[in-house]
């Protein structure tokens, strides 16, 4: 369930407000950095929500932007205070994709394309354990268990009775055919996938090999949308050493259009369940 105060989302919203004030003042990030004797990269990180913003940072920036309305300053200072609180994921220690988790926790909807694996929010615990063990062979059992527990905690958004996450997943056939763990584990995972697809807020579509080249051929991505109109949509692209977050309207629009093409080329919901059923039969036949 989304928390009342999500530090990741507060940082983003505060950063957007600070950028708006800077642009309203007609100043560049470089000019602001020179005034405050800090690096331009710090100003950029504050504005894109990738760095914690202290109340002192807010006070100094409001001074540069000559914000005279104390109500605005007080509101921004409170947002800075909220943004420094810890989200539920911090209890698990150092999580490499904590920014994404913070966004996902507060998102109203998520559209995801997965070319290789079953989406994390739809994985069984056994599948997640086998997947993480194979993808990160140098990880300790403790680290693997931590990552699996974080994944399980994230899945609570799907089960939330009051505000469930609206999830739309387009999955390449490769994800169904790639044997993670063993064939019996895959049967259980695919049965779980079909079960989850019957939830009213979860849509699953499979993109078969027969479709050939498609707009998602370059790899995984996700589009997050938020309940508050003040929070812009985000395209998330996972990397090996760092992740990419695209927030510019043109970038989000391009990925959204690409996603519509993927949805159009994929099997519909009923065809998808039938297709997954056939893959399950193939696995079952191979285990006898």
Protein backbone atom coordinates (compact mmCIF):
# COMPACT_ATOMS: atom_id res chain seq x y z
CA UNK A 1 0.00 0.00 0.00
CA UNK A 2 1.28 3.46 -0.83
CA UNK A 3 2.41 5.38 2.21
CA UNK A 4 1.01 8.82 3.06
CA UNK A 5 4.47 10.37 2.72
CA UNK A 6 6.54 8.86 -0.06
CA UNK A 7 10.04 10.43 0.08
CA UNK A 8 10.87 9.59 -3.54
CA UNK A 9 7.74 11.25 -4.89
CA UNK A 10 8.13 14.22 -2.52
CA UNK A 11 11.67 14.76 -3.85
CA UNK A 12 10.43 14.68 -7.44
CA UNK A 13 7.59 17.10 -6.75
CA UNK A 14 9.85 19.46 -4.80
CA UNK A 15 12.45 19.32 -7.57
CA UNK A 16 9.81 20.22 -10.14
CA UNK A 17 8.72 23.20 -8.04
CA UNK A 18 12.30 24.43 -7.66
CA UNK A 19 12.88 24.09 -11.41
CA UNK A 20 9.68 26.06 -12.06
CA UNK A 21 10.85 28.85 -9.72
CA UNK A 22 14.26 28.95 -11.43
CA UNK A 23 12.74 29.14 -14.90
CA UNK A 24 10.25 31.75 -13.70
CA UNK A 25 13.24 33.81 -12.57
CA UNK A 26 14.85 33.34 -15.98
CA UNK A 27 18.02 31.77 -14.55
CA UNK A 28 20.07 28.81 -15.76
CA UNK A 29 21.20 26.03 -13.44
CA UNK A 30 24.76 27.23 -14.00
CA UNK A 31 23.89 30.75 -12.83
CA UNK A 32 22.21 29.40 -9.69
CA UNK A 33 25.20 27.19 -8.95
CA UNK A 34 27.55 30.17 -9.23
CA UNK A 35 25.40 32.21 -6.83
CA UNK A 36 25.38 29.43 -4.23
CA UNK A 37 28.99 28.34 -4.81
CA UNK A 38 27.96 24.76 -5.57
CA UNK A 39 28.32 22.56 -8.64
CA UNK A 40 25.83 22.73 -11.49
CA UNK A 41 25.36 18.96 -11.16
CA UNK A 42 24.03 19.47 -7.61
CA UNK A 43 21.36 21.85 -8.87
CA UNK A 44 20.43 19.36 -11.60
CA UNK A 45 20.22 16.47 -9.11
CA UNK A 46 18.06 18.55 -6.77
CA UNK A 47 15.68 19.42 -9.61
CA UNK A 48 15.35 15.89 -10.97
CA UNK A 49 14.72 14.40 -7.52
CA UNK A 50 17.77 12.15 -7.52
CA UNK A 51 19.27 13.79 -4.45
CA UNK A 52 17.86 14.47 -0.99
CA UNK A 53 16.97 18.14 -0.55
CA UNK A 54 17.68 19.74 2.80
CA UNK A 55 15.64 22.58 4.24
CA UNK A 56 18.78 24.69 4.01
CA UNK A 57 18.95 23.98 0.25
CA UNK A 58 15.34 25.11 -0.10
CA UNK A 59 15.96 28.27 1.94
CA UNK A 60 19.04 29.18 -0.12
CA UNK A 61 17.28 28.57 -3.44
CA UNK A 62 14.21 30.53 -2.40
CA UNK A 63 16.58 33.38 -1.51
CA UNK A 64 18.18 33.30 -4.96
CA UNK A 65 14.74 33.17 -6.63
CA UNK A 66 13.50 36.02 -4.39
CA UNK A 67 10.43 34.09 -3.22
CA UNK A 68 8.67 36.51 -0.87
CA UNK A 69 5.51 34.54 -0.11
CA UNK A 70 6.26 32.82 3.21
CA UNK A 71 3.50 30.28 2.59
CA UNK A 72 5.31 29.01 -0.50
CA UNK A 73 8.62 28.85 1.35
CA UNK A 74 7.02 27.01 4.30
CA UNK A 75 5.33 24.54 1.96
CA UNK A 76 8.60 23.81 0.15
CA UNK A 77 10.44 23.47 3.46
CA UNK A 78 7.85 20.91 4.63
CA UNK A 79 8.25 18.96 1.38
CA UNK A 80 12.01 18.95 1.96
CA UNK A 81 11.46 17.58 5.46
CA UNK A 82 9.11 14.88 4.15
CA UNK A 83 11.53 13.96 1.37
CA UNK A 84 14.17 13.02 3.91
CA UNK A 85 11.97 10.45 5.63
CA UNK A 86 12.60 6.80 4.89
CA UNK A 87 10.30 4.66 2.78
CA UNK A 88 9.44 1.06 3.72
CA UNK A 89 12.19 -0.21 1.40
CA UNK A 90 14.94 1.38 3.49
CA UNK A 91 14.31 -1.23 6.19
CA UNK A 92 15.87 -3.77 3.82
CA UNK A 93 19.18 -1.90 3.65
CA UNK A 94 20.93 -0.89 0.44
CA UNK A 95 18.61 -1.59 -2.50
CA UNK A 96 20.12 -0.64 -5.90
CA UNK A 97 16.79 0.30 -7.50
CA UNK A 98 15.30 2.12 -4.49
CA UNK A 99 14.35 5.17 -6.60
CA UNK A 100 12.22 2.95 -8.83
CA UNK A 101 10.60 1.24 -5.83
CA UNK A 102 9.68 4.63 -4.41
CA UNK A 103 8.00 5.60 -7.69
CA UNK A 104 6.24 2.25 -8.06
CA UNK A 105 4.93 2.46 -4.48
CA UNK A 106 3.09 5.70 -5.25
CA UNK A 107 2.11 5.00 -8.87
CA UNK A 108 -1.53 4.64 -9.92
CA UNK A 109 -0.70 2.59 -13.00
CA UNK A 110 2.22 0.73 -14.51
CA UNK A 111 2.68 -0.40 -18.09
CA UNK A 112 5.58 -2.77 -18.53
CA UNK A 113 7.15 -4.66 -21.42
CA UNK A 114 9.28 -7.67 -20.51
CA UNK A 115 11.21 -9.44 -23.29
CA UNK A 116 13.04 -12.05 -21.19
CA UNK A 117 11.36 -12.77 -17.84
CA UNK A 118 8.02 -12.73 -16.06
CA UNK A 119 7.49 -9.21 -14.59
CA UNK A 120 8.62 -8.89 -10.98
CA UNK A 121 5.16 -8.01 -9.67
CA UNK A 122 3.79 -11.25 -11.12
CA UNK A 123 6.54 -13.64 -10.02
CA UNK A 124 6.16 -16.47 -7.52
CA UNK A 125 8.67 -16.55 -4.69
CA UNK A 126 10.32 -19.70 -6.08
CA UNK A 127 10.67 -18.17 -9.54
CA UNK A 128 12.13 -14.97 -8.06
CA UNK A 129 14.68 -16.95 -6.01
CA UNK A 130 15.81 -18.99 -9.02
CA UNK A 131 15.89 -15.92 -11.26
CA UNK A 132 17.96 -13.78 -8.88
CA UNK A 133 20.34 -16.68 -8.16
CA UNK A 134 20.98 -17.12 -11.88
CA UNK A 135 21.18 -13.43 -12.75
CA UNK A 136 23.46 -12.55 -9.81
CA UNK A 137 25.62 -15.66 -9.30
CA UNK A 138 27.98 -13.90 -6.88
CA UNK A 139 25.18 -12.88 -4.49
CA UNK A 140 25.06 -14.46 -1.04
CA UNK A 141 21.99 -16.40 0.13
CA UNK A 142 21.25 -13.52 2.53
CA UNK A 143 21.30 -10.95 -0.30
CA UNK A 144 19.12 -13.15 -2.51
CA UNK A 145 16.63 -13.58 0.32
CA UNK A 146 16.57 -9.81 0.88
CA UNK A 147 15.86 -9.12 -2.79
CA UNK A 148 13.10 -11.74 -2.86
CA UNK A 149 11.51 -10.24 0.25
CA UNK A 150 11.61 -6.77 -1.31
CA UNK A 151 9.92 -8.17 -4.42
CA UNK A 152 7.24 -9.81 -2.29
CA UNK A 153 6.67 -6.52 -0.46
CA UNK A 154 6.32 -4.68 -3.77
CA UNK A 155 3.65 -7.17 -4.84
CA UNK A 156 1.39 -5.93 -2.04
CA UNK A 157 0.40 -3.11 -4.42
CA UNK A 158 -1.35 -5.75 -6.53
CA UNK A 159 -3.23 -7.10 -3.49
CA UNK A 160 -4.18 -3.69 -2.06
CA UNK A 161 -7.96 -3.82 -1.62
CA UNK A 162 -8.38 -0.04 -1.52
CA UNK A 163 -5.92 1.29 -4.12
CA UNK A 164 -4.51 -1.56 -6.19
CA UNK A 165 -1.90 -0.77 -8.80
CA UNK A 166 -3.31 -0.84 -12.34
CA UNK A 167 -0.85 -3.16 -14.08
CA UNK A 168 -0.62 -3.82 -17.80
CA UNK A 169 2.08 -6.29 -18.81
CA UNK A 170 3.10 -7.21 -22.34
CA UNK A 171 5.40 -10.23 -22.16
CA UNK A 172 7.46 -11.71 -24.97
CA UNK A 173 7.10 -15.46 -25.56
CA UNK A 174 10.78 -15.78 -24.56
CA UNK A 175 9.79 -15.15 -20.94
CA UNK A 176 7.45 -18.15 -21.03
CA UNK A 177 9.91 -20.46 -22.77
CA UNK A 178 13.00 -19.58 -20.72
CA UNK A 179 13.25 -22.27 -18.04
CA UNK A 180 14.03 -20.53 -14.76
CA UNK A 181 14.67 -23.17 -12.09
CA UNK A 182 13.08 -26.23 -13.66
CA UNK A 183 10.03 -27.11 -15.72
CA UNK A 184 7.83 -27.84 -12.69
CA UNK A 185 8.69 -24.42 -11.29
CA UNK A 186 7.76 -22.88 -14.65
CA UNK A 187 4.39 -24.65 -14.60
CA UNK A 188 3.65 -23.16 -11.18
CA UNK A 189 4.83 -19.71 -12.33
CA UNK A 190 2.72 -19.72 -15.48
CA UNK A 191 -0.34 -20.94 -13.59
CA UNK A 192 0.20 -18.04 -11.18
CA UNK A 193 0.50 -15.66 -14.14
CA UNK A 194 -2.87 -16.82 -15.51
CA UNK A 195 -4.43 -16.53 -12.05
CA UNK A 196 -3.17 -12.95 -11.63
CA UNK A 197 -4.44 -12.04 -15.10
CA UNK A 198 -8.01 -12.60 -13.87
CA UNK A 199 -7.71 -9.72 -11.40
CA UNK A 200 -9.75 -6.75 -12.69
CA UNK A 201 -6.79 -4.37 -12.43
CA UNK A 202 -4.22 -6.67 -14.07
CA UNK A 203 -3.95 -7.20 -17.83
CA UNK A 204 -1.48 -9.68 -19.32
CA UNK A 205 -0.74 -10.02 -23.04
CA UNK A 206 1.80 -12.27 -24.70
CA UNK A 207 3.76 -11.27 -27.78
CA UNK A 208 4.44 -14.52 -29.70
CA UNK A 209 7.58 -15.23 -31.69
CA UNK A 210 5.42 -15.29 -34.83
CA UNK A 211 4.99 -11.53 -34.61
CA UNK A 212 8.63 -11.12 -35.65
CA UNK A 213 10.26 -7.71 -35.17
CA UNK A 214 8.33 -5.32 -32.96
CA UNK A 215 8.74 -1.88 -31.28
CA UNK A 216 9.99 -3.42 -28.03
CA UNK A 217 12.86 -5.30 -29.64
CA UNK A 218 15.40 -3.03 -27.91
CA UNK A 219 14.44 -4.31 -24.47
CA UNK A 220 12.57 -3.89 -21.21
CA UNK A 221 10.94 -0.65 -20.14
CA UNK A 222 8.13 0.52 -17.87
CA UNK A 223 5.87 3.57 -17.84
CA UNK A 224 4.67 4.80 -14.44
CA UNK A 225 1.73 7.17 -14.03
CA UNK A 226 0.68 8.86 -10.79
CA UNK A 227 -2.65 9.82 -9.23
CA UNK A 228 -1.63 13.45 -8.69
CA UNK A 229 -1.63 15.54 -11.86
CA UNK A 230 1.38 17.44 -10.48
CA UNK A 231 3.52 14.32 -10.85
CA UNK A 232 4.62 13.72 -14.44
CA UNK A 233 4.74 10.21 -15.88
CA UNK A 234 8.10 8.44 -15.88
CA UNK A 235 9.67 5.95 -18.28
CA UNK A 236 11.99 3.57 -16.43
CA UNK A 237 14.74 1.66 -18.24
CA UNK A 238 16.79 -0.71 -16.09
CA UNK A 239 20.55 -0.86 -16.61
CA UNK A 240 23.35 -3.09 -15.33
CA UNK A 241 25.18 -0.39 -13.37
CA UNK A 242 22.70 2.49 -13.49
CA UNK A 243 19.07 3.06 -14.41
CA UNK A 244 17.50 5.62 -16.71
CA UNK A 245 14.46 7.72 -15.83
CA UNK A 246 12.85 9.73 -18.64
CA UNK A 247 10.40 12.44 -17.63
CA UNK A 248 10.30 14.83 -20.58
CA UNK A 249 6.85 14.86 -22.18
CA UNK A 250 8.23 14.01 -25.64
CA UNK A 251 10.13 10.97 -24.32
CA UNK A 252 7.14 9.67 -22.37
CA UNK A 253 4.91 10.18 -25.41
CA UNK A 254 7.27 8.22 -27.70
CA UNK A 255 7.42 5.28 -25.32
CA UNK A 256 3.64 5.41 -24.81
CA UNK A 257 3.03 5.23 -28.54
CA UNK A 258 5.51 2.36 -28.78
CA UNK A 259 3.61 0.57 -26.01
CA UNK A 260 0.32 0.98 -27.87
CA UNK A 261 1.90 -0.74 -30.86
CA UNK A 262 3.06 -3.58 -28.62
CA UNK A 263 -0.42 -4.00 -27.16
CA UNK A 264 -1.92 -4.03 -30.64
CA UNK A 265 0.51 -6.69 -31.90
CA UNK A 266 0.21 -8.92 -28.83
CA UNK A 267 -2.44 -11.58 -28.31
CA UNK A 268 -5.58 -10.37 -26.58
CA UNK A 269 -6.34 -11.38 -23.00
CA UNK A 270 -8.26 -14.58 -23.80
CA UNK A 271 -5.79 -15.64 -26.48
CA UNK A 272 -2.95 -15.00 -24.03
CA UNK A 273 -4.45 -17.28 -21.37
CA UNK A 274 -4.96 -19.99 -23.99
CA UNK A 275 -1.40 -19.55 -25.25
CA UNK A 276 0.05 -19.78 -21.73
CA UNK A 277 -2.06 -22.89 -21.19
CA UNK A 278 -0.45 -24.52 -24.22
CA UNK A 279 3.04 -23.68 -22.90
CA UNK A 280 2.08 -25.22 -19.54
CA UNK A 281 1.01 -28.41 -21.37
CA UNK A 282 4.40 -28.51 -23.14
CA UNK A 283 6.21 -28.28 -19.79
CA UNK A 284 3.93 -30.90 -18.24
CA UNK A 285 4.57 -33.31 -21.11
CA UNK A 286 8.33 -32.83 -20.74
CA UNK A 287 8.23 -33.68 -17.02
CA UNK A 288 6.69 -37.13 -17.58
